[in-house]
Amino acid sequence: VLNPYYEMGLTGSELHTYTLPRRVGPDAAK
């Protein structure tokens, strides 16, 4: 099971603003 999102009051990093839309597209990433 994957939980591809951030909680804990964090907006997140890990360069996901580049890698996530590149893989699933901007709409699915949002």
PDB file of all heavy atoms in Angstrom:
ATOM      1  N   VAL A   1       0.853  -1.183   0.000  1.00  0.00           N
ATOM      2  CA  VAL A   1       0.000   0.000   0.000  1.00  0.00           C
ATOM      3  C   VAL A   1       0.891   1.235   0.000  1.00  0.00           C
ATOM      4  O   VAL A   1       1.850   1.325   0.782  1.00  0.00           O
ATOM      5  CB  VAL A   1      -0.935   0.018   1.224  1.00  0.00           C
ATOM      6  CG1 VAL A   1      -1.757   1.300   1.263  1.00  0.00           C
ATOM      7  CG2 VAL A   1      -1.861  -1.195   1.204  1.00  0.00           C
ATOM      8  N   LEU A   2       0.573   2.170  -0.861  1.00  0.00           N
ATOM      9  CA  LEU A   2       1.313   3.424  -0.947  1.00  0.00           C
ATOM     10  C   LEU A   2       0.443   4.563  -0.432  1.00  0.00           C
ATOM     11  O   LEU A   2      -0.751   4.614  -0.719  1.00  0.00           O
ATOM     12  CB  LEU A   2       1.737   3.707  -2.386  1.00  0.00           C
ATOM     13  CG  LEU A   2       2.517   2.597  -3.110  1.00  0.00           C
ATOM     14  CD1 LEU A   2       2.857   3.028  -4.524  1.00  0.00           C
ATOM     15  CD2 LEU A   2       3.761   2.208  -2.334  1.00  0.00           C
ATOM     16  N   ASN A   3       1.055   5.460   0.329  1.00  0.00           N
ATOM     17  CA  ASN A   3       0.370   6.673   0.789  1.00  0.00           C
ATOM     18  C   ASN A   3       1.132   7.873   0.222  1.00  0.00           C
ATOM     19  O   ASN A   3       1.976   8.473   0.908  1.00  0.00           O
ATOM     20  CB  ASN A   3       0.342   6.721   2.323  1.00  0.00           C
ATOM     21  CG  ASN A   3      -0.681   5.757   2.902  1.00  0.00           C
ATOM     22  OD1 ASN A   3      -1.836   6.091   3.064  1.00  0.00           O
ATOM     23  ND2 ASN A   3      -0.244   4.547   3.213  1.00  0.00           N
ATOM     24  N   PRO A   4       0.857   8.239  -1.045  1.00  0.00           N
ATOM     25  CA  PRO A   4       1.649   9.265  -1.737  1.00  0.00           C
ATOM     26  C   PRO A   4       1.183  10.683  -1.427  1.00  0.00           C
ATOM     27  O   PRO A   4       0.745  11.428  -2.302  1.00  0.00           O
ATOM     28  CB  PRO A   4       1.433   8.911  -3.208  1.00  0.00           C
ATOM     29  CG  PRO A   4       0.050   8.340  -3.238  1.00  0.00           C
ATOM     30  CD  PRO A   4      -0.151   7.631  -1.919  1.00  0.00           C
ATOM     31  N   TYR A   5       1.295  11.047  -0.185  1.00  0.00           N
ATOM     32  CA  TYR A   5       0.867  12.377   0.239  1.00  0.00           C
ATOM     33  C   TYR A   5       1.550  12.695   1.564  1.00  0.00           C
ATOM     34  O   TYR A   5       2.178  11.853   2.191  1.00  0.00           O
ATOM     35  CB  TYR A   5      -0.658  12.437   0.403  1.00  0.00           C
ATOM     36  CG  TYR A   5      -1.208  11.372   1.321  1.00  0.00           C
ATOM     37  CD1 TYR A   5      -1.290  11.565   2.700  1.00  0.00           C
ATOM     38  CD2 TYR A   5      -1.639  10.139   0.816  1.00  0.00           C
ATOM     39  CE1 TYR A   5      -1.775  10.581   3.544  1.00  0.00           C
ATOM     40  CE2 TYR A   5      -2.133   9.162   1.651  1.00  0.00           C
ATOM     41  CZ  TYR A   5      -2.194   9.378   3.001  1.00  0.00           C
ATOM     42  OH  TYR A   5      -2.665   8.397   3.837  1.00  0.00           O
ATOM     43  N   TYR A   6       1.418  13.938   1.986  1.00  0.00           N
ATOM     44  CA  TYR A   6       2.040  14.392   3.229  1.00  0.00           C
ATOM     45  C   TYR A   6       0.966  14.777   4.231  1.00  0.00           C
ATOM     46  O   TYR A   6      -0.043  15.385   3.881  1.00  0.00           O
ATOM     47  CB  TYR A   6       2.950  15.599   2.959  1.00  0.00           C
ATOM     48  CG  TYR A   6       4.121  15.286   2.069  1.00  0.00           C
ATOM     49  CD1 TYR A   6       4.051  15.496   0.690  1.00  0.00           C
ATOM     50  CD2 TYR A   6       5.301  14.774   2.591  1.00  0.00           C
ATOM     51  CE1 TYR A   6       5.123  15.214  -0.140  1.00  0.00           C
ATOM     52  CE2 TYR A   6       6.380  14.484   1.771  1.00  0.00           C
ATOM     53  CZ  TYR A   6       6.280  14.701   0.410  1.00  0.00           C
ATOM     54  OH  TYR A   6       7.352  14.403  -0.400  1.00  0.00           O
ATOM     55  N   GLU A   7       1.214  14.402   5.481  1.00  0.00           N
ATOM     56  CA  GLU A   7       0.360  14.838   6.582  1.00  0.00           C
ATOM     57  C   GLU A   7       1.276  15.444   7.649  1.00  0.00           C
ATOM     58  O   GLU A   7       2.278  16.070   7.329  1.00  0.00           O
ATOM     59  CB  GLU A   7      -0.477  13.669   7.112  1.00  0.00           C
ATOM     60  CG  GLU A   7      -1.531  13.209   6.106  1.00  0.00           C
ATOM     61  CD  GLU A   7      -2.498  12.204   6.687  1.00  0.00           C
ATOM     62  OE1 GLU A   7      -2.041  11.226   7.300  1.00  0.00           O
ATOM     63  OE2 GLU A   7      -3.707  12.401   6.524  1.00  0.00           O
ATOM     64  N   MET A   8       0.955  15.290   8.900  1.00  0.00           N
ATOM     65  CA  MET A   8       1.791  15.784  10.002  1.00  0.00           C
ATOM     66  C   MET A   8       2.028  17.290   9.934  1.00  0.00           C
ATOM     67  O   MET A   8       2.999  17.788  10.498  1.00  0.00           O
ATOM     68  CB  MET A   8       3.154  15.080  10.029  1.00  0.00           C
ATOM     69  CG  MET A   8       3.081  13.594  10.206  1.00  0.00           C
ATOM     70  SD  MET A   8       2.531  13.168  11.871  1.00  0.00           S
ATOM     71  CE  MET A   8       1.878  11.546  11.563  1.00  0.00           C
ATOM     72  N   GLY A   9       1.183  18.029   9.223  1.00  0.00           N
ATOM     73  CA  GLY A   9       1.396  19.470   9.136  1.00  0.00           C
ATOM     74  C   GLY A   9       2.569  19.858   8.261  1.00  0.00           C
ATOM     75  O   GLY A   9       3.124  20.943   8.412  1.00  0.00           O
ATOM     76  N   LEU A  10       2.949  18.978   7.322  1.00  0.00           N
ATOM     77  CA  LEU A  10       4.070  19.243   6.423  1.00  0.00           C
ATOM     78  C   LEU A  10       3.579  19.277   4.979  1.00  0.00           C
ATOM     79  O   LEU A  10       2.757  18.456   4.571  1.00  0.00           O
ATOM     80  CB  LEU A  10       5.141  18.167   6.559  1.00  0.00           C
ATOM     81  CG  LEU A  10       5.835  18.041   7.924  1.00  0.00           C
ATOM     82  CD1 LEU A  10       6.778  16.849   7.936  1.00  0.00           C
ATOM     83  CD2 LEU A  10       6.581  19.321   8.269  1.00  0.00           C
ATOM     84  N   THR A  11       4.115  20.230   4.201  1.00  0.00           N
ATOM     85  CA  THR A  11       3.796  20.286   2.778  1.00  0.00           C
ATOM     86  C   THR A  11       4.688  19.360   1.965  1.00  0.00           C
ATOM     87  O   THR A  11       4.358  19.035   0.822  1.00  0.00           O
ATOM     88  CB  THR A  11       3.930  21.719   2.239  1.00  0.00           C
ATOM     89  OG1 THR A  11       5.209  22.237   2.642  1.00  0.00           O
ATOM     90  CG2 THR A  11       2.840  22.610   2.801  1.00  0.00           C
ATOM     91  N   GLY A  12       5.810  18.932   2.527  1.00  0.00           N
ATOM     92  CA  GLY A  12       6.630  17.913   1.889  1.00  0.00           C
ATOM     93  C   GLY A  12       7.701  18.455   0.973  1.00  0.00           C
ATOM     94  O   GLY A  12       7.638  19.579   0.478  1.00  0.00           O
ATOM     95  N   SER A  13       8.695  17.603   0.754  1.00  0.00           N
ATOM     96  CA  SER A  13       9.772  17.950  -0.171  1.00  0.00           C
ATOM     97  C   SER A  13      10.130  16.709  -0.982  1.00  0.00           C
ATOM     98  O   SER A  13       9.291  16.193  -1.700  1.00  0.00           O
ATOM     99  CB  SER A  13      10.980  18.518   0.591  1.00  0.00           C
ATOM    100  OG  SER A  13      11.918  19.070  -0.309  1.00  0.00           O
ATOM    101  N   GLU A  14      11.370  16.200  -0.868  1.00  0.00           N
ATOM    102  CA  GLU A  14      11.816  15.023  -1.626  1.00  0.00           C
ATOM    103  C   GLU A  14      11.712  15.238  -3.134  1.00  0.00           C
ATOM    104  O   GLU A  14      11.574  14.297  -3.902  1.00  0.00           O
ATOM    105  CB  GLU A  14      11.041  13.759  -1.220  1.00  0.00           C
ATOM    106  CG  GLU A  14      11.408  13.211   0.129  1.00  0.00           C
ATOM    107  CD  GLU A  14      10.588  13.787   1.278  1.00  0.00           C
ATOM    108  OE1 GLU A  14       9.576  14.455   0.992  1.00  0.00           O
ATOM    109  OE2 GLU A  14      10.947  13.570   2.441  1.00  0.00           O
ATOM    110  N   LEU A  15      11.752  16.533  -3.565  1.00  0.00           N
ATOM    111  CA  LEU A  15      11.686  16.892  -4.982  1.00  0.00           C
ATOM    112  C   LEU A  15      10.421  16.361  -5.653  1.00  0.00           C
ATOM    113  O   LEU A  15      10.385  16.131  -6.860  1.00  0.00           O
ATOM    114  CB  LEU A  15      12.945  16.398  -5.718  1.00  0.00           C
ATOM    115  CG  LEU A  15      14.268  16.996  -5.189  1.00  0.00           C
ATOM    116  CD1 LEU A  15      15.462  16.309  -5.819  1.00  0.00           C
ATOM    117  CD2 LEU A  15      14.330  18.493  -5.432  1.00  0.00           C
ATOM    118  N   HIS A  16       9.369  16.203  -4.847  1.00  0.00           N
ATOM    119  CA  HIS A  16       8.136  15.623  -5.394  1.00  0.00           C
ATOM    120  C   HIS A  16       7.433  16.559  -6.362  1.00  0.00           C
ATOM    121  O   HIS A  16       6.658  16.091  -7.215  1.00  0.00           O
ATOM    122  CB  HIS A  16       7.180  15.245  -4.260  1.00  0.00           C
ATOM    123  CG  HIS A  16       6.448  16.407  -3.656  1.00  0.00           C
ATOM    124  ND1 HIS A  16       7.004  17.232  -2.692  1.00  0.00           N
ATOM    125  CD2 HIS A  16       5.192  16.896  -3.899  1.00  0.00           C
ATOM    126  CE1 HIS A  16       6.125  18.151  -2.358  1.00  0.00           C
ATOM    127  NE2 HIS A  16       5.033  17.995  -3.066  1.00  0.00           N
ATOM    128  N   THR A  17       7.683  17.868  -6.277  1.00  0.00           N
ATOM    129  CA  THR A  17       7.042  18.780  -7.222  1.00  0.00           C
ATOM    130  C   THR A  17       7.586  18.586  -8.629  1.00  0.00           C
ATOM    131  O   THR A  17       6.962  19.033  -9.604  1.00  0.00           O
ATOM    132  CB  THR A  17       7.220  20.242  -6.783  1.00  0.00           C
ATOM    133  OG1 THR A  17       8.612  20.506  -6.558  1.00  0.00           O
ATOM    134  CG2 THR A  17       6.441  20.524  -5.501  1.00  0.00           C
ATOM    135  N   TYR A  18       8.731  17.916  -8.751  1.00  0.00           N
ATOM    136  CA  TYR A  18       9.250  17.524 -10.063  1.00  0.00           C
ATOM    137  C   TYR A  18       8.844  16.100 -10.427  1.00  0.00           C
ATOM    138  O   TYR A  18       8.308  15.844 -11.501  1.00  0.00           O
ATOM    139  CB  TYR A  18      10.773  17.664 -10.098  1.00  0.00           C
ATOM    140  CG  TYR A  18      11.401  17.099 -11.359  1.00  0.00           C
ATOM    141  CD1 TYR A  18      11.077  17.618 -12.609  1.00  0.00           C
ATOM    142  CD2 TYR A  18      12.299  16.038 -11.292  1.00  0.00           C
ATOM    143  CE1 TYR A  18      11.630  17.090 -13.779  1.00  0.00           C
ATOM    144  CE2 TYR A  18      12.874  15.508 -12.447  1.00  0.00           C
ATOM    145  CZ  TYR A  18      12.532  16.039 -13.694  1.00  0.00           C
ATOM    146  OH  TYR A  18      13.083  15.520 -14.840  1.00  0.00           O
ATOM    147  N   THR A  19       9.085  15.145  -9.512  1.00  0.00           N
ATOM    148  CA  THR A  19       8.920  13.735  -9.880  1.00  0.00           C
ATOM    149  C   THR A  19       7.464  13.267  -9.946  1.00  0.00           C
ATOM    150  O   THR A  19       7.109  12.464 -10.809  1.00  0.00           O
ATOM    151  CB  THR A  19       9.685  12.838  -8.893  1.00  0.00           C
ATOM    152  OG1 THR A  19       9.209  13.079  -7.554  1.00  0.00           O
ATOM    153  CG2 THR A  19      11.176  13.097  -8.960  1.00  0.00           C
ATOM    154  N   LEU A  20       6.609  13.743  -9.058  1.00  0.00           N
ATOM    155  CA  LEU A  20       5.229  13.246  -9.032  1.00  0.00           C
ATOM    156  C   LEU A  20       4.447  13.668 -10.278  1.00  0.00           C
ATOM    157  O   LEU A  20       3.851  12.804 -10.950  1.00  0.00           O
ATOM    158  CB  LEU A  20       4.527  13.696  -7.751  1.00  0.00           C
ATOM    159  CG  LEU A  20       3.101  13.182  -7.555  1.00  0.00           C
ATOM    160  CD1 LEU A  20       3.056  11.657  -7.520  1.00  0.00           C
ATOM    161  CD2 LEU A  20       2.484  13.755  -6.268  1.00  0.00           C
ATOM    162  N   PRO A  21       4.406  14.952 -10.658  1.00  0.00           N
ATOM    163  CA  PRO A  21       3.694  15.316 -11.889  1.00  0.00           C
ATOM    164  C   PRO A  21       4.315  14.669 -13.128  1.00  0.00           C
ATOM    165  O   PRO A  21       3.593  14.348 -14.086  1.00  0.00           O
ATOM    166  CB  PRO A  21       3.818  16.838 -11.950  1.00  0.00           C
ATOM    167  CG  PRO A  21       4.126  17.255 -10.550  1.00  0.00           C
ATOM    168  CD  PRO A  21       4.920  16.139  -9.957  1.00  0.00           C
ATOM    169  N   ARG A  22       5.616  14.464 -13.128  1.00  0.00           N
ATOM    170  CA  ARG A  22       6.276  13.838 -14.270  1.00  0.00           C
ATOM    171  C   ARG A  22       5.762  12.415 -14.477  1.00  0.00           C
ATOM    172  O   ARG A  22       5.660  11.943 -15.608  1.00  0.00           O
ATOM    173  CB  ARG A  22       7.799  13.829 -14.044  1.00  0.00           C
ATOM    174  CG  ARG A  22       8.601  13.312 -15.226  1.00  0.00           C
ATOM    175  CD  ARG A  22      10.083  13.371 -14.966  1.00  0.00           C
ATOM    176  NE  ARG A  22      10.513  12.451 -13.913  1.00  0.00           N
ATOM    177  CZ  ARG A  22      11.771  12.043 -13.747  1.00  0.00           C
ATOM    178  NH1 ARG A  22      12.720  12.490 -14.557  1.00  0.00           N
ATOM    179  NH2 ARG A  22      12.088  11.217 -12.768  1.00  0.00           N
ATOM    180  N   ARG A  23       5.402  11.750 -13.378  1.00  0.00           N
ATOM    181  CA  ARG A  23       4.941  10.356 -13.476  1.00  0.00           C
ATOM    182  C   ARG A  23       3.441  10.256 -13.716  1.00  0.00           C
ATOM    183  O   ARG A  23       3.006   9.412 -14.499  1.00  0.00           O
ATOM    184  CB  ARG A  23       5.299   9.590 -12.189  1.00  0.00           C
ATOM    185  CG  ARG A  23       6.700   9.078 -12.205  1.00  0.00           C
ATOM    186  CD  ARG A  23       6.829   7.774 -11.403  1.00  0.00           C
ATOM    187  NE  ARG A  23       7.889   6.971 -11.985  1.00  0.00           N
ATOM    188  CZ  ARG A  23       7.681   5.911 -12.753  1.00  0.00           C
ATOM    189  NH1 ARG A  23       6.468   5.525 -13.036  1.00  0.00           N
ATOM    190  NH2 ARG A  23       8.694   5.239 -13.245  1.00  0.00           N
ATOM    191  N   VAL A  24       2.647  11.030 -13.024  1.00  0.00           N
ATOM    192  CA  VAL A  24       1.192  10.829 -13.086  1.00  0.00           C
ATOM    193  C   VAL A  24       0.445  11.978 -13.750  1.00  0.00           C
ATOM    194  O   VAL A  24      -0.766  11.885 -13.954  1.00  0.00           O
ATOM    195  CB  VAL A  24       0.610  10.600 -11.674  1.00  0.00           C
ATOM    196  CG1 VAL A  24       1.305   9.429 -10.993  1.00  0.00           C
ATOM    197  CG2 VAL A  24       0.725  11.851 -10.803  1.00  0.00           C
ATOM    198  N   GLY A  25       1.151  13.055 -14.071  1.00  0.00           N
ATOM    199  CA  GLY A  25       0.501  14.226 -14.624  1.00  0.00           C
ATOM    200  C   GLY A  25       0.113  15.211 -13.528  1.00  0.00           C
ATOM    201  O   GLY A  25      -0.108  14.817 -12.374  1.00  0.00           O
ATOM    202  N   PRO A  26       0.018  16.496 -13.854  1.00  0.00           N
ATOM    203  CA  PRO A  26      -0.245  17.515 -12.834  1.00  0.00           C
ATOM    204  C   PRO A  26      -1.592  17.374 -12.140  1.00  0.00           C
ATOM    205  O   PRO A  26      -1.701  17.605 -10.939  1.00  0.00           O
ATOM    206  CB  PRO A  26      -0.146  18.835 -13.604  1.00  0.00           C
ATOM    207  CG  PRO A  26      -0.296  18.468 -15.049  1.00  0.00           C
ATOM    208  CD  PRO A  26       0.248  17.094 -15.198  1.00  0.00           C
ATOM    209  N   ASP A  27      -2.637  16.995 -12.871  1.00  0.00           N
ATOM    210  CA  ASP A  27      -3.962  16.881 -12.252  1.00  0.00           C
ATOM    211  C   ASP A  27      -4.000  15.739 -11.244  1.00  0.00           C
ATOM    212  O   ASP A  27      -4.518  15.892 -10.125  1.00  0.00           O
ATOM    213  CB  ASP A  27      -5.030  16.679 -13.319  1.00  0.00           C
ATOM    214  CG  ASP A  27      -5.219  17.905 -14.198  1.00  0.00           C
ATOM    215  OD1 ASP A  27      -4.842  19.009 -13.756  1.00  0.00           O
ATOM    216  OD2 ASP A  27      -5.735  17.766 -15.327  1.00  0.00           O
ATOM    217  N   ALA A  28      -3.491  14.567 -11.632  1.00  0.00           N
ATOM    218  CA  ALA A  28      -3.477  13.424 -10.710  1.00  0.00           C
ATOM    219  C   ALA A  28      -2.575  13.711  -9.519  1.00  0.00           C
ATOM    220  O   ALA A  28      -2.888  13.303  -8.390  1.00  0.00           O
ATOM    221  CB  ALA A  28      -3.012  12.163 -11.438  1.00  0.00           C
ATOM    222  N   ALA A  29      -1.467  14.416  -9.750  1.00  0.00           N
ATOM    223  CA  ALA A  29      -0.567  14.756  -8.645  1.00  0.00           C
ATOM    224  C   ALA A  29      -1.289  15.610  -7.612  1.00  0.00           C
ATOM    225  O   ALA A  29      -1.198  15.369  -6.399  1.00  0.00           O
ATOM    226  CB  ALA A  29       0.668  15.478  -9.176  1.00  0.00           C
ATOM    227  N   LYS A  30      -2.021  16.604  -8.072  1.00  0.00           N
ATOM    228  CA  LYS A  30      -2.766  17.469  -7.156  1.00  0.00           C
ATOM    229  C   LYS A  30      -3.822  16.672  -6.391  1.00  0.00           C
ATOM    230  O   LYS A  30      -4.020  16.868  -5.195  1.00  0.00           O
ATOM    231  CB  LYS A  30      -3.430  18.608  -7.932  1.00  0.00           C
ATOM    232  CG  LYS A  30      -2.449  19.638  -8.474  1.00  0.00           C
ATOM    233  CD  LYS A  30      -3.181  20.699  -9.292  1.00  0.00           C
ATOM    234  CE  LYS A  30      -2.199  21.707  -9.885  1.00  0.00           C
ATOM    235  NZ  LYS A  30      -2.889  22.697 -10.755  1.00  0.00           N
TER     236      LYS A  30
END
